[in-house]
C-alpha atoms as a PDB file:
ATOM      1  CA  MET A   1     -17.860  -4.979  20.985  1.00  0.00           C
ATOM      2  CA  GLY A   2     -14.620  -3.478  22.902  1.00  0.00           C
ATOM      3  CA  PRO A   3     -11.946  -1.503  21.415  1.00  0.00           C
ATOM      4  CA  GLU A   4     -10.031  -4.634  20.842  1.00  0.00           C
ATOM      5  CA  ASP A   5     -12.690  -5.600  18.760  1.00  0.00           C
ATOM      6  CA  ARG A   6     -12.273  -2.634  16.803  1.00  0.00           C
ATOM      7  CA  ASP A   7      -8.181  -2.820  17.098  1.00  0.00           C
ATOM      8  CA  PHE A   8      -8.941  -6.354  14.978  1.00  0.00           C
ATOM      9  CA  ILE A   9     -11.233  -4.865  12.387  1.00  0.00           C
ATOM     10  CA  GLU A  10      -8.703  -2.117  11.574  1.00  0.00           C
ATOM     11  CA  GLU A  11      -5.793  -3.810  11.566  1.00  0.00           C
ATOM     12  CA  ALA A  12      -7.301  -6.749   9.431  1.00  0.00           C
ATOM     13  CA  ALA A  13      -8.707  -3.612   6.990  1.00  0.00           C
ATOM     14  CA  ARG A  14      -4.895  -2.693   6.583  1.00  0.00           C
ATOM     15  CA  ALA A  15      -3.461  -6.217   5.756  1.00  0.00           C
ATOM     16  CA  LEU A  16      -6.450  -6.338   3.202  1.00  0.00           C
ATOM     17  CA  ASP A  17      -6.014  -3.319   1.899  1.00  0.00           C
ATOM     18  CA  ALA A  18      -1.410  -3.950   1.610  1.00  0.00           C
ATOM     19  CA  SER A  19      -2.427  -7.517   0.183  1.00  0.00           C
ATOM     20  CA  LEU A  20      -4.884  -6.224  -2.524  1.00  0.00           C
ATOM     21  CA  ARG A  21      -2.279  -3.503  -3.831  1.00  0.00           C
ATOM     22  CA  GLU A  22      -0.105  -6.259  -3.585  1.00  0.00           C
ATOM     23  CA  LEU A  23      -2.341  -8.460  -5.909  1.00  0.00           C
ATOM     24  CA  GLU A  24      -3.210  -5.472  -8.454  1.00  0.00           C
ATOM     25  CA  GLU A  25       0.048  -5.530  -8.937  1.00  0.00           C
ATOM     26  CA  GLU A  26       0.090  -8.857  -9.844  1.00  0.00           C
ATOM     27  CA  GLU A  27      -2.538  -9.007 -12.072  1.00  0.00           C
ATOM     28  CA  GLU A  28      -1.059  -6.343 -14.271  1.00  0.00           C
ATOM     29  CA  ARG A  29       2.163  -7.955 -13.998  1.00  0.00           C
ATOM     30  CA  LEU A  30       0.583 -10.700 -15.503  1.00  0.00           C
ATOM     31  CA  LYS A  31      -1.695  -9.089 -17.979  1.00  0.00           C
ATOM     32  CA  GLU A  32       1.595  -7.585 -19.619  1.00  0.00           C
ATOM     33  CA  ILE A  33       2.689 -10.920 -19.822  1.00  0.00           C
ATOM     34  CA  ILE A  34      -0.056 -13.339 -21.371  1.00  0.00           C
ATOM     35  CA  GLY A  35      -1.553 -10.519 -23.767  1.00  0.00           C
ATOM     36  CA  GLU A  36      -4.805  -8.651 -24.174  1.00  0.00           C
ATOM     37  CA  GLU A  37      -6.525 -11.284 -26.634  1.00  0.00           C
ATOM     38  CA  ARG A  38      -5.813 -14.305 -23.938  1.00  0.00           C
ATOM     39  CA  VAL A  39      -6.669 -12.247 -21.362  1.00  0.00           C
ATOM     40  CA  ARG A  40      -9.963 -11.614 -22.574  1.00  0.00           C
ATOM     41  CA  GLU A  41     -10.381 -14.809 -22.866  1.00  0.00           C
ATOM     42  CA  LEU A  42      -9.625 -16.132 -19.474  1.00  0.00           C
ATOM     43  CA  ALA A  43     -11.956 -13.476 -18.182  1.00  0.00           C
ATOM     44  CA  ALA A  44     -14.705 -14.768 -20.394  1.00  0.00           C
ATOM     45  CA  TYR A  45     -13.633 -18.487 -19.030  1.00  0.00           C
ATOM     46  CA  LEU A  46     -13.667 -17.259 -15.744  1.00  0.00           C
ATOM     47  CA  ARG A  47     -16.945 -16.124 -15.995  1.00  0.00           C
ATOM     48  CA  ARG A  48     -17.924 -18.823 -17.779  1.00  0.00           C
ATOM     49  CA  GLU A  49     -18.990 -18.431 -20.967  1.00  0.00           C
ATOM     50  CA  PHE A  50     -18.480 -20.437 -23.235  1.00  0.00           C
ATOM     51  CA  GLU A  51     -20.168 -24.227 -23.697  1.00  0.00           C
ATOM     52  CA  PRO A  52     -18.369 -26.884 -21.460  1.00  0.00           C
ATOM     53  CA  VAL A  53     -16.406 -27.848 -24.459  1.00  0.00           C
ATOM     54  CA  ASP A  54     -14.572 -24.787 -24.947  1.00  0.00           C
ATOM     55  CA  ILE A  55     -14.067 -25.221 -22.093  1.00  0.00           C
ATOM     56  CA  GLU A  56     -12.450 -28.377 -21.687  1.00  0.00           C
ATOM     57  CA  GLU A  57     -10.228 -26.678 -24.562  1.00  0.00           C
ATOM     58  CA  ILE A  58      -9.119 -23.939 -22.694  1.00  0.00           C
ATOM     59  CA  ARG A  59      -8.776 -25.896 -19.801  1.00  0.00           C
ATOM     60  CA  ARG A  60      -6.481 -28.123 -21.410  1.00  0.00           C
ATOM     61  CA  THR A  61      -4.082 -25.252 -22.919  1.00  0.00           C
ATOM     62  CA  LEU A  62      -3.876 -23.189 -19.627  1.00  0.00           C
ATOM     63  CA  ASP A  63       0.025 -22.466 -18.795  1.00  0.00           C
ATOM     64  CA  PHE A  64       1.056 -21.479 -15.497  1.00  0.00           C
ATOM     65  CA  ASP A  65       1.117 -17.341 -16.267  1.00  0.00           C
ATOM     66  CA  ASP A  66      -3.249 -17.945 -17.226  1.00  0.00           C
ATOM     67  CA  ARG A  67      -3.667 -19.908 -13.975  1.00  0.00           C
ATOM     68  CA  ARG A  68      -1.828 -17.620 -11.795  1.00  0.00           C
ATOM     69  CA  LEU A  69      -3.669 -14.642 -13.528  1.00  0.00           C
ATOM     70  CA  ILE A  70      -7.404 -16.725 -13.300  1.00  0.00           C
ATOM     71  CA  SER A  71      -6.133 -17.185  -9.177  1.00  0.00           C
ATOM     72  CA  VAL A  72      -4.782 -13.584  -8.916  1.00  0.00           C
ATOM     73  CA  TRP A  73      -8.435 -12.917  -9.819  1.00  0.00           C
ATOM     74  CA  ILE A  74     -10.203 -15.354  -7.510  1.00  0.00           C
ATOM     75  CA  ARG A  75      -8.386 -13.748  -4.723  1.00  0.00           C
ATOM     76  CA  VAL A  76      -9.057 -10.110  -5.573  1.00  0.00           C
ATOM     77  CA  GLU A  77     -12.436 -10.769  -5.194  1.00  0.00           C
ATOM     78  CA  ARG A  78     -12.114 -12.563  -2.083  1.00  0.00           C
ATOM     79  CA  ASN A  79     -10.263 -10.123  -0.063  1.00  0.00           C
ATOM     80  CA  ARG A  80     -12.721  -7.476  -1.548  1.00  0.00           C
ATOM     81  CA  ALA A  81     -15.990  -8.540  -0.970  1.00  0.00           C
ATOM     82  CA  ARG A  82     -14.133  -9.669   3.043  1.00  0.00           C
ATOM     83  CA  ARG A  83     -12.425  -5.207   2.734  1.00  0.00           C
ATOM     84  CA  VAL A  84     -15.990  -4.340   2.210  1.00  0.00           C
ATOM     85  CA  ALA A  85     -17.188  -6.620   5.082  1.00  0.00           C
ATOM     86  CA  ALA A  86     -14.727  -5.305   7.317  1.00  0.00           C
ATOM     87  CA  GLY A  87     -15.312  -1.606   6.604  1.00  0.00           C
ATOM     88  CA  ARG A  88     -19.315  -2.797   7.497  1.00  0.00           C
ATOM     89  CA  SER A  89     -18.128  -3.497  10.533  1.00  0.00           C
ATOM     90  CA  ALA A  90     -15.859  -0.639  11.011  1.00  0.00           C
ATOM     91  CA  MET A  91     -18.960   1.745  10.719  1.00  0.00           C
ATOM     92  CA  THR A  92     -21.559  -0.277  12.817  1.00  0.00           C
ATOM     93  CA  LEU A  93     -18.755  -0.023  15.849  1.00  0.00           C
ATOM     94  CA  ASN A  94     -18.517   4.080  14.682  1.00  0.00           C
ATOM     95  CA  ALA A  95     -21.907   4.418  14.789  1.00  0.00           C
ATOM     96  CA  GLY A  96     -22.025   3.160  18.052  1.00  0.00           C
ATOM     97  CA  ARG A  97     -25.231   0.972  16.446  1.00  0.00           C
ATOM     98  CA  GLU A  98     -23.993  -2.364  17.828  1.00  0.00           C
ATOM     99  CA  ASP A  99     -27.848  -3.533  16.981  1.00  0.00           C
ATOM    100  CA  ILE A 100     -27.085  -3.147  13.273  1.00  0.00           C
ATOM    101  CA  ASP A 101     -26.822  -6.878  12.155  1.00  0.00           C
ATOM    102  CA  ILE A 102     -24.328  -6.405   9.241  1.00  0.00           C
ATOM    103  CA  THR A 103     -25.735  -9.737   7.785  1.00  0.00           C
ATOM    104  CA  ALA A 104     -28.880  -8.594   6.611  1.00  0.00           C
ATOM    105  CA  PHE A 105     -26.617  -6.272   3.863  1.00  0.00           C
ATOM    106  CA  ASP A 106     -24.572  -9.248   2.429  1.00  0.00           C
ATOM    107  CA  LYS A 107     -25.172 -10.668  -0.828  1.00  0.00           C
ATOM    108  CA  PRO A 108     -25.978 -13.621  -1.837  1.00  0.00           C
ATOM    109  CA  LYS A 109     -23.571 -15.204  -3.405  1.00  0.00           C
ATOM    110  CA  LYS A 110     -23.758 -16.512  -7.018  1.00  0.00           C
ATOM    111  CA  LYS A 111     -23.823 -20.485  -7.898  1.00  0.00           C
END
């Protein structure tokens, strides 16, 4: 990888950091609006800790802020994974070890 690749990775990392800050601010704002009890319920819903009939009931009661918070959580998780990948790529480049396969460090996707 050349210097343009390093620049690209560094710029992607900066953009992801900025995006994560914005998403975390939005998450906190929404948590204040929704309330602690509902936030816990939505977190359990997202982790699928309920029975299917209960999941369907919660799904029917989701309002705009609930859906927005769930969306923010998913985007935060995705951006954190991308940021980790960018960091690993940068570390590999900085170590001068292009022979390292960074995909070997990726965690398997959960179903």
